[in-house]
Amino acid sequence: MVKIALQIKATLECIDKLYTNHPHYQWFLKLRCSYCGETSGKFHDLTEADKVPQKHNRSETHLLIKCKLCSRENSMDIIEGSNGVFTSDDVGKFKTLVIFDCRGVEPIDFEPKSGWIAEAENDGKKFEDVDLTEKEWADYDEKNQTSVGVYELEWQFIKVK
């Protein structure tokens, strides 16, 4: 089992907090088989709220995938309680948003999509279902009468203990 954290970095404009609609957020990941190195051509999704049964034992997992090249059955789980919040204090550095428990597969790319929540500064508006597919998002906070946004979204995967 290898634990891999997804970290993000972004520039926030008048946004205090950015996080996902946990545990219902769909994480879209491109994966590589740890055994043979085969890379998936498409993004696979997993959600902490949904589990699938494993075929060879009685446990459940968040993602079960069979490698097309070596036919190994691999799985991945979202570690409970690992979901983080990116705040205005984190701007300029990477921060862990979620940790995956990987068995035979590892994430190599991420697609943010919609389902993010952005909270404006000074107890401003809470924006739900923010779409970060384009790696940026902008809107207007009527309460504080200011524009808000998330820009220059980047991510990386790191192994953690």
N, C-alpha and C. Protein backbone atom coordinates (compact mmCIF):
# COMPACT_ATOMS: atom_id res chain seq x y z
N MET A 1 0.84 -1.19 0.00
CA MET A 1 0.00 0.00 0.00
C MET A 1 0.88 1.25 0.00
N VAL A 2 0.59 2.12 -0.92
CA VAL A 2 1.29 3.38 -1.02
C VAL A 2 0.27 4.49 -0.82
N LYS A 3 0.60 5.44 0.02
CA LYS A 3 -0.29 6.58 0.24
C LYS A 3 0.22 7.74 -0.59
N ILE A 4 -0.65 8.27 -1.43
CA ILE A 4 -0.29 9.36 -2.32
C ILE A 4 -1.25 10.52 -2.09
N ALA A 5 -0.68 11.70 -1.82
CA ALA A 5 -1.48 12.89 -1.56
C ALA A 5 -1.61 13.72 -2.83
N LEU A 6 -2.79 14.24 -3.05
CA LEU A 6 -3.03 15.21 -4.11
C LEU A 6 -2.93 16.58 -3.47
N GLN A 7 -2.00 17.39 -3.97
CA GLN A 7 -1.81 18.74 -3.45
C GLN A 7 -2.18 19.74 -4.54
N ILE A 8 -2.77 20.87 -4.10
CA ILE A 8 -3.09 21.93 -5.06
C ILE A 8 -2.41 23.22 -4.64
N LYS A 9 -2.27 24.10 -5.63
CA LYS A 9 -1.76 25.46 -5.41
C LYS A 9 -2.58 26.34 -6.33
N ALA A 10 -2.98 27.51 -5.85
CA ALA A 10 -3.79 28.43 -6.65
C ALA A 10 -3.64 29.84 -6.13
N THR A 11 -4.01 30.79 -6.97
CA THR A 11 -4.10 32.18 -6.57
C THR A 11 -5.58 32.45 -6.28
N LEU A 12 -5.86 33.03 -5.11
CA LEU A 12 -7.23 33.31 -4.71
C LEU A 12 -7.47 34.82 -4.69
N GLU A 13 -8.58 35.24 -5.30
CA GLU A 13 -8.96 36.65 -5.28
C GLU A 13 -10.18 36.80 -4.38
N CYS A 14 -9.98 37.39 -3.21
CA CYS A 14 -11.04 37.63 -2.23
C CYS A 14 -11.77 36.34 -1.82
N ILE A 15 -11.07 35.22 -1.90
CA ILE A 15 -11.61 33.93 -1.45
C ILE A 15 -10.80 33.51 -0.23
N ASP A 16 -11.52 33.12 0.83
CA ASP A 16 -10.87 32.72 2.07
C ASP A 16 -10.61 31.21 2.10
N LYS A 17 -11.58 30.40 1.58
CA LYS A 17 -11.45 28.94 1.63
C LYS A 17 -11.91 28.33 0.31
N LEU A 18 -11.18 27.29 -0.11
CA LEU A 18 -11.53 26.50 -1.29
C LEU A 18 -11.41 25.04 -0.90
N TYR A 19 -12.50 24.28 -1.12
CA TYR A 19 -12.50 22.87 -0.76
C TYR A 19 -13.53 22.13 -1.61
N THR A 20 -13.56 20.81 -1.47
CA THR A 20 -14.48 20.00 -2.27
C THR A 20 -15.74 19.68 -1.48
N ASN A 21 -16.75 19.25 -2.21
CA ASN A 21 -18.02 18.83 -1.63
C ASN A 21 -17.84 17.41 -1.08
N HIS A 22 -17.07 17.30 -0.03
CA HIS A 22 -16.70 16.03 0.58
C HIS A 22 -17.89 15.46 1.36
N PRO A 23 -18.20 14.21 1.35
CA PRO A 23 -17.55 13.07 0.72
C PRO A 23 -18.13 12.71 -0.65
N HIS A 24 -18.91 13.61 -1.24
CA HIS A 24 -19.58 13.31 -2.50
C HIS A 24 -18.84 13.82 -3.72
N TYR A 25 -17.68 14.44 -3.52
CA TYR A 25 -16.92 14.96 -4.65
C TYR A 25 -16.34 13.79 -5.46
N GLN A 26 -16.46 13.89 -6.79
CA GLN A 26 -15.89 12.87 -7.67
C GLN A 26 -14.48 13.29 -8.06
N TRP A 27 -13.50 12.50 -7.63
CA TRP A 27 -12.10 12.72 -7.98
C TRP A 27 -11.86 12.04 -9.32
N PHE A 28 -11.50 12.80 -10.36
CA PHE A 28 -11.20 12.25 -11.67
C PHE A 28 -9.68 12.14 -11.81
N LEU A 29 -9.20 10.89 -11.93
CA LEU A 29 -7.76 10.63 -11.94
C LEU A 29 -7.36 9.78 -13.13
N LYS A 30 -6.21 10.09 -13.70
CA LYS A 30 -5.58 9.22 -14.68
C LYS A 30 -4.61 8.35 -13.89
N LEU A 31 -4.56 7.06 -14.19
CA LEU A 31 -3.83 6.10 -13.36
C LEU A 31 -2.77 5.34 -14.13
N ARG A 32 -1.76 4.87 -13.38
CA ARG A 32 -0.71 4.02 -13.95
C ARG A 32 -0.61 2.76 -13.09
N CYS A 33 -0.53 1.62 -13.76
CA CYS A 33 -0.36 0.34 -13.06
C CYS A 33 1.06 0.31 -12.46
N SER A 34 1.15 0.01 -11.19
CA SER A 34 2.45 -0.04 -10.51
C SER A 34 3.25 -1.28 -10.90
N TYR A 35 2.59 -2.29 -11.45
CA TYR A 35 3.27 -3.54 -11.80
C TYR A 35 3.92 -3.49 -13.18
N CYS A 36 3.13 -3.04 -14.19
CA CYS A 36 3.66 -3.08 -15.56
C CYS A 36 3.89 -1.69 -16.16
N GLY A 37 3.41 -0.64 -15.50
CA GLY A 37 3.63 0.71 -15.98
C GLY A 37 2.59 1.20 -16.99
N GLU A 38 1.59 0.39 -17.29
CA GLU A 38 0.53 0.79 -18.23
C GLU A 38 -0.22 2.01 -17.69
N THR A 39 -0.43 2.99 -18.55
CA THR A 39 -1.14 4.21 -18.18
C THR A 39 -2.53 4.19 -18.80
N SER A 40 -3.52 4.53 -17.99
CA SER A 40 -4.89 4.57 -18.51
C SER A 40 -5.04 5.74 -19.47
N GLY A 41 -5.80 5.53 -20.52
CA GLY A 41 -6.01 6.57 -21.52
C GLY A 41 -7.13 7.51 -21.14
N LYS A 42 -7.89 7.15 -20.12
CA LYS A 42 -9.01 7.99 -19.71
C LYS A 42 -8.94 8.26 -18.22
N PHE A 43 -9.77 9.20 -17.77
CA PHE A 43 -9.85 9.52 -16.35
C PHE A 43 -10.85 8.58 -15.69
N HIS A 44 -10.52 8.09 -14.51
CA HIS A 44 -11.40 7.24 -13.71
C HIS A 44 -11.87 8.07 -12.52
N ASP A 45 -13.10 7.83 -12.08
CA ASP A 45 -13.61 8.61 -10.96
C ASP A 45 -13.84 7.74 -9.73
N LEU A 46 -13.61 8.33 -8.58
CA LEU A 46 -13.92 7.68 -7.32
C LEU A 46 -14.45 8.71 -6.35
N THR A 47 -15.34 8.26 -5.50
CA THR A 47 -16.02 9.11 -4.53
C THR A 47 -15.96 8.41 -3.19
N GLU A 48 -15.67 9.15 -2.14
CA GLU A 48 -15.57 8.52 -0.82
C GLU A 48 -16.90 7.94 -0.36
N ALA A 49 -18.00 8.53 -0.78
CA ALA A 49 -19.31 8.07 -0.35
C ALA A 49 -19.72 6.75 -1.00
N ASP A 50 -19.06 6.37 -2.10
CA ASP A 50 -19.43 5.16 -2.83
C ASP A 50 -18.33 4.10 -2.75
N LYS A 51 -18.74 2.87 -2.46
CA LYS A 51 -17.78 1.76 -2.41
C LYS A 51 -18.27 0.63 -3.31
N VAL A 52 -17.31 -0.13 -3.82
CA VAL A 52 -17.62 -1.30 -4.64
C VAL A 52 -17.00 -2.53 -3.98
N PRO A 53 -17.67 -3.69 -4.10
CA PRO A 53 -17.10 -4.91 -3.50
C PRO A 53 -15.91 -5.41 -4.29
N GLN A 54 -14.91 -5.93 -3.57
CA GLN A 54 -13.77 -6.55 -4.23
C GLN A 54 -14.12 -8.01 -4.51
N LYS A 55 -13.63 -8.52 -5.61
CA LYS A 55 -14.03 -9.86 -6.05
C LYS A 55 -13.40 -10.99 -5.22
N HIS A 56 -12.14 -10.83 -4.83
CA HIS A 56 -11.43 -11.95 -4.21
C HIS A 56 -11.46 -11.94 -2.68
N ASN A 57 -12.02 -10.92 -2.09
CA ASN A 57 -12.18 -10.92 -0.63
C ASN A 57 -13.49 -10.23 -0.28
N ARG A 58 -13.79 -10.13 0.95
CA ARG A 58 -15.09 -9.62 1.38
C ARG A 58 -15.12 -8.10 1.62
N SER A 59 -14.02 -7.43 1.43
CA SER A 59 -13.97 -6.00 1.71
C SER A 59 -14.47 -5.17 0.53
N GLU A 60 -14.62 -3.89 0.78
CA GLU A 60 -15.06 -2.94 -0.25
C GLU A 60 -13.97 -1.89 -0.45
N THR A 61 -14.01 -1.24 -1.60
CA THR A 61 -13.03 -0.22 -1.95
C THR A 61 -13.71 0.90 -2.72
N HIS A 62 -13.07 2.05 -2.81
CA HIS A 62 -13.64 3.17 -3.54
C HIS A 62 -13.46 3.04 -5.05
N LEU A 63 -12.38 2.37 -5.48
CA LEU A 63 -12.14 2.16 -6.91
C LEU A 63 -11.48 0.80 -7.10
N LEU A 64 -12.05 0.02 -8.01
CA LEU A 64 -11.50 -1.27 -8.35
C LEU A 64 -11.30 -1.26 -9.86
N ILE A 65 -10.06 -1.53 -10.30
CA ILE A 65 -9.75 -1.44 -11.72
C ILE A 65 -8.81 -2.57 -12.12
N LYS A 66 -9.05 -3.10 -13.30
CA LYS A 66 -8.21 -4.18 -13.81
C LYS A 66 -7.32 -3.59 -14.90
N CYS A 67 -6.01 -3.84 -14.79
CA CYS A 67 -5.06 -3.34 -15.78
C CYS A 67 -5.30 -4.03 -17.12
N LYS A 68 -5.36 -3.25 -18.18
CA LYS A 68 -5.60 -3.81 -19.52
C LYS A 68 -4.40 -4.59 -20.04
N LEU A 69 -3.20 -4.24 -19.56
CA LEU A 69 -2.00 -4.90 -20.07
C LEU A 69 -1.65 -6.18 -19.30
N CYS A 70 -1.54 -6.08 -17.97
CA CYS A 70 -1.10 -7.25 -17.19
C CYS A 70 -2.26 -7.98 -16.50
N SER A 71 -3.46 -7.46 -16.60
CA SER A 71 -4.68 -8.07 -16.04
C SER A 71 -4.72 -8.14 -14.52
N ARG A 72 -3.85 -7.40 -13.84
CA ARG A 72 -3.89 -7.37 -12.37
C ARG A 72 -5.07 -6.53 -11.91
N GLU A 73 -5.66 -6.96 -10.81
CA GLU A 73 -6.75 -6.20 -10.21
C GLU A 73 -6.15 -5.24 -9.19
N ASN A 74 -6.37 -3.97 -9.38
CA ASN A 74 -5.81 -2.93 -8.52
C ASN A 74 -6.96 -2.16 -7.86
N SER A 75 -6.65 -1.53 -6.73
CA SER A 75 -7.70 -0.77 -6.04
C SER A 75 -7.12 0.50 -5.42
N MET A 76 -8.04 1.40 -5.11
CA MET A 76 -7.65 2.67 -4.50
C MET A 76 -8.76 3.12 -3.55
N ASP A 77 -8.36 3.65 -2.40
CA ASP A 77 -9.31 4.20 -1.43
C ASP A 77 -8.93 5.62 -1.08
N ILE A 78 -9.93 6.39 -0.72
CA ILE A 78 -9.71 7.73 -0.17
C ILE A 78 -9.59 7.54 1.34
N ILE A 79 -8.52 8.02 1.91
CA ILE A 79 -8.32 7.87 3.35
C ILE A 79 -9.30 8.79 4.08
N GLU A 80 -10.12 8.17 4.92
CA GLU A 80 -11.15 8.90 5.65
C GLU A 80 -10.54 10.02 6.48
N GLY A 81 -11.14 11.19 6.40
CA GLY A 81 -10.69 12.34 7.18
C GLY A 81 -9.48 13.05 6.59
N SER A 82 -9.06 12.67 5.39
CA SER A 82 -7.86 13.28 4.80
C SER A 82 -8.18 14.52 3.95
N ASN A 83 -9.45 14.84 3.79
CA ASN A 83 -9.81 15.98 2.95
C ASN A 83 -9.43 17.29 3.62
N GLY A 84 -8.64 18.10 2.90
CA GLY A 84 -8.17 19.37 3.42
C GLY A 84 -8.88 20.56 2.80
N VAL A 85 -8.54 21.72 3.31
CA VAL A 85 -9.10 22.99 2.83
C VAL A 85 -7.94 23.88 2.42
N PHE A 86 -8.02 24.43 1.21
CA PHE A 86 -7.02 25.39 0.73
C PHE A 86 -7.50 26.77 1.13
N THR A 87 -6.69 27.50 1.90
CA THR A 87 -7.10 28.82 2.40
C THR A 87 -6.23 29.93 1.81
N SER A 88 -6.63 31.15 2.06
CA SER A 88 -5.86 32.29 1.57
C SER A 88 -4.45 32.31 2.17
N ASP A 89 -4.25 31.69 3.33
CA ASP A 89 -2.92 31.59 3.93
C ASP A 89 -2.02 30.62 3.17
N ASP A 90 -2.61 29.74 2.35
CA ASP A 90 -1.84 28.72 1.61
C ASP A 90 -1.40 29.18 0.22
N VAL A 91 -1.81 30.37 -0.21
CA VAL A 91 -1.48 30.87 -1.54
C VAL A 91 0.04 30.89 -1.71
N GLY A 92 0.50 30.39 -2.85
CA GLY A 92 1.93 30.38 -3.14
C GLY A 92 2.63 29.08 -2.79
N LYS A 93 1.91 28.16 -2.15
CA LYS A 93 2.51 26.88 -1.80
C LYS A 93 1.49 25.76 -2.02
N PHE A 94 1.99 24.54 -2.18
CA PHE A 94 1.12 23.40 -2.36
C PHE A 94 0.57 22.93 -1.02
N LYS A 95 -0.71 22.54 -1.02
CA LYS A 95 -1.34 22.03 0.20
C LYS A 95 -2.10 20.75 -0.14
N THR A 96 -2.00 19.76 0.75
CA THR A 96 -2.69 18.49 0.55
C THR A 96 -4.19 18.67 0.66
N LEU A 97 -4.89 18.14 -0.35
CA LEU A 97 -6.35 18.22 -0.38
C LEU A 97 -6.99 16.88 -0.05
N VAL A 98 -6.31 15.78 -0.43
CA VAL A 98 -6.84 14.45 -0.16
C VAL A 98 -5.68 13.45 -0.26
N ILE A 99 -5.81 12.33 0.44
CA ILE A 99 -4.80 11.28 0.39
C ILE A 99 -5.46 9.98 -0.07
N PHE A 100 -4.82 9.35 -1.04
CA PHE A 100 -5.32 8.09 -1.60
C PHE A 100 -4.44 6.94 -1.11
N ASP A 101 -5.09 5.83 -0.75
CA ASP A 101 -4.41 4.60 -0.38
C ASP A 101 -4.41 3.73 -1.63
N CYS A 102 -3.25 3.58 -2.25
CA CYS A 102 -3.15 2.95 -3.57
C CYS A 102 -2.57 1.54 -3.46
N ARG A 103 -3.25 0.58 -4.09
CA ARG A 103 -2.80 -0.81 -4.11
C ARG A 103 -2.70 -1.27 -5.56
N GLY A 104 -1.47 -1.19 -6.10
CA GLY A 104 -1.22 -1.65 -7.46
C GLY A 104 -1.45 -0.61 -8.53
N VAL A 105 -1.83 0.58 -8.14
CA VAL A 105 -2.10 1.65 -9.10
C VAL A 105 -1.73 2.98 -8.44
N GLU A 106 -1.31 3.94 -9.25
CA GLU A 106 -1.01 5.27 -8.69
C GLU A 106 -1.52 6.36 -9.62
N PRO A 107 -2.01 7.46 -9.05
CA PRO A 107 -2.52 8.55 -9.88
C PRO A 107 -1.37 9.32 -10.52
N ILE A 108 -1.57 9.72 -11.79
CA ILE A 108 -0.54 10.50 -12.48
C ILE A 108 -1.08 11.83 -13.00
N ASP A 109 -2.42 11.98 -13.04
CA ASP A 109 -3.01 13.25 -13.45
C ASP A 109 -4.37 13.39 -12.79
N PHE A 110 -4.84 14.64 -12.71
CA PHE A 110 -6.08 14.98 -12.03
C PHE A 110 -6.87 15.94 -12.90
N GLU A 111 -8.17 15.79 -12.91
CA GLU A 111 -9.05 16.71 -13.62
C GLU A 111 -10.04 17.26 -12.61
N PRO A 112 -9.96 18.58 -12.28
CA PRO A 112 -10.75 19.12 -11.17
C PRO A 112 -12.27 19.15 -11.35
N LYS A 113 -12.79 19.45 -12.52
CA LYS A 113 -14.24 19.48 -12.79
C LYS A 113 -15.00 20.38 -11.81
N SER A 114 -16.31 20.09 -11.65
CA SER A 114 -17.16 20.91 -10.77
C SER A 114 -17.34 20.23 -9.42
N GLY A 115 -18.01 20.91 -8.49
CA GLY A 115 -18.26 20.35 -7.17
C GLY A 115 -17.41 20.97 -6.08
N TRP A 116 -16.70 22.04 -6.40
CA TRP A 116 -15.87 22.75 -5.42
C TRP A 116 -16.72 23.78 -4.68
N ILE A 117 -16.27 24.15 -3.50
CA ILE A 117 -16.94 25.19 -2.71
C ILE A 117 -15.90 26.27 -2.42
N ALA A 118 -16.29 27.52 -2.70
CA ALA A 118 -15.41 28.67 -2.44
C ALA A 118 -16.14 29.63 -1.51
N GLU A 119 -15.49 29.97 -0.40
CA GLU A 119 -16.07 30.91 0.55
C GLU A 119 -15.34 32.24 0.44
N ALA A 120 -16.10 33.30 0.21
CA ALA A 120 -15.53 34.64 0.05
C ALA A 120 -15.02 35.16 1.40
N GLU A 121 -14.06 36.10 1.33
CA GLU A 121 -13.50 36.72 2.53
C GLU A 121 -14.57 37.56 3.24
N ASN A 122 -14.28 37.92 4.48
CA ASN A 122 -15.14 38.79 5.29
C ASN A 122 -16.57 38.26 5.39
N ASP A 123 -16.70 36.97 5.65
CA ASP A 123 -18.01 36.31 5.76
C ASP A 123 -18.90 36.58 4.56
N GLY A 124 -18.28 36.61 3.40
CA GLY A 124 -19.02 36.85 2.16
C GLY A 124 -19.78 35.62 1.71
N LYS A 125 -20.17 35.65 0.48
CA LYS A 125 -20.99 34.60 -0.10
C LYS A 125 -20.24 33.27 -0.15
N LYS A 126 -21.00 32.18 0.00
CA LYS A 126 -20.46 30.83 -0.16
C LYS A 126 -20.91 30.35 -1.53
N PHE A 127 -19.95 30.14 -2.41
CA PHE A 127 -20.23 29.68 -3.77
C PHE A 127 -20.14 28.16 -3.81
N GLU A 128 -21.25 27.52 -4.19
CA GLU A 128 -21.28 26.06 -4.24
C GLU A 128 -21.26 25.59 -5.68
N ASP A 129 -20.77 24.40 -5.90
CA ASP A 129 -20.65 23.78 -7.22
C ASP A 129 -19.79 24.61 -8.18
N VAL A 130 -18.67 25.10 -7.67
CA VAL A 130 -17.71 25.84 -8.48
C VAL A 130 -17.05 24.87 -9.45
N ASP A 131 -16.94 25.28 -10.71
CA ASP A 131 -16.35 24.44 -11.76
C ASP A 131 -14.92 24.91 -12.05
N LEU A 132 -13.94 24.05 -11.75
CA LEU A 132 -12.54 24.38 -11.98
C LEU A 132 -11.94 23.61 -13.16
N THR A 133 -12.80 23.16 -14.07
CA THR A 133 -12.34 22.41 -15.24
C THR A 133 -11.31 23.21 -16.03
N GLU A 134 -11.51 24.51 -16.14
CA GLU A 134 -10.60 25.37 -16.90
C GLU A 134 -9.41 25.86 -16.06
N LYS A 135 -9.28 25.33 -14.85
CA LYS A 135 -8.21 25.69 -13.91
C LYS A 135 -8.32 27.13 -13.41
N GLU A 136 -9.48 27.73 -13.61
CA GLU A 136 -9.77 29.04 -13.04
C GLU A 136 -11.27 29.24 -12.99
N TRP A 137 -11.69 30.20 -12.15
CA TRP A 137 -13.11 30.47 -11.96
C TRP A 137 -13.22 31.90 -11.42
N ALA A 138 -14.25 32.60 -11.85
CA ALA A 138 -14.48 33.97 -11.36
C ALA A 138 -15.98 34.19 -11.19
N ASP A 139 -16.32 35.05 -10.22
CA ASP A 139 -17.73 35.38 -9.96
C ASP A 139 -17.76 36.71 -9.23
N TYR A 140 -18.93 37.07 -8.71
CA TYR A 140 -19.08 38.35 -8.00
C TYR A 140 -19.77 38.10 -6.66
N ASP A 141 -19.21 38.65 -5.59
CA ASP A 141 -19.77 38.54 -4.25
C ASP A 141 -20.60 39.79 -3.98
N GLU A 142 -21.94 39.64 -4.07
CA GLU A 142 -22.82 40.79 -3.87
C GLU A 142 -22.73 41.33 -2.45
N LYS A 143 -22.56 40.44 -1.47
CA LYS A 143 -22.51 40.85 -0.06
C LYS A 143 -21.36 41.83 0.20
N ASN A 144 -20.18 41.53 -0.36
CA ASN A 144 -19.01 42.40 -0.17
C ASN A 144 -18.77 43.33 -1.36
N GLN A 145 -19.60 43.21 -2.37
CA GLN A 145 -19.50 44.02 -3.59
C GLN A 145 -18.09 44.00 -4.18
N THR A 146 -17.62 42.77 -4.45
CA THR A 146 -16.29 42.61 -5.01
C THR A 146 -16.24 41.37 -5.90
N SER A 147 -15.31 41.38 -6.83
CA SER A 147 -15.13 40.20 -7.66
C SER A 147 -14.31 39.18 -6.88
N VAL A 148 -14.58 37.91 -7.15
CA VAL A 148 -13.87 36.81 -6.49
C VAL A 148 -13.39 35.85 -7.56
N GLY A 149 -12.36 35.08 -7.23
CA GLY A 149 -11.89 34.13 -8.23
C GLY A 149 -10.82 33.19 -7.72
N VAL A 150 -10.63 32.14 -8.49
CA VAL A 150 -9.56 31.16 -8.28
C VAL A 150 -8.81 31.10 -9.61
N TYR A 151 -7.50 31.30 -9.56
CA TYR A 151 -6.70 31.38 -10.77
C TYR A 151 -5.44 30.53 -10.62
N GLU A 152 -4.83 30.21 -11.77
CA GLU A 152 -3.55 29.50 -11.82
C GLU A 152 -3.54 28.23 -10.99
N LEU A 153 -4.62 27.45 -11.10
CA LEU A 153 -4.71 26.20 -10.35
C LEU A 153 -3.69 25.20 -10.88
N GLU A 154 -2.91 24.64 -9.96
CA GLU A 154 -1.92 23.62 -10.27
C GLU A 154 -2.09 22.49 -9.27
N TRP A 155 -1.57 21.30 -9.62
CA TRP A 155 -1.60 20.18 -8.69
C TRP A 155 -0.38 19.30 -8.88
N GLN A 156 -0.15 18.51 -7.84
CA GLN A 156 0.93 17.53 -7.87
C GLN A 156 0.57 16.37 -6.97
N PHE A 157 1.20 15.23 -7.22
CA PHE A 157 1.01 14.05 -6.37
C PHE A 157 2.33 13.79 -5.65
N ILE A 158 2.25 13.53 -4.35
CA ILE A 158 3.44 13.19 -3.58
C ILE A 158 3.16 11.97 -2.71
N LYS A 159 4.19 11.15 -2.51
CA LYS A 159 4.04 10.00 -1.62
C LYS A 159 4.17 10.48 -0.19
N VAL A 160 3.28 9.96 0.69
CA VAL A 160 3.29 10.34 2.10
C VAL A 160 3.34 9.08 2.95
N LYS A 161 3.70 9.24 4.23
CA LYS A 161 3.78 8.10 5.14
C LYS A 161 2.51 7.95 5.92
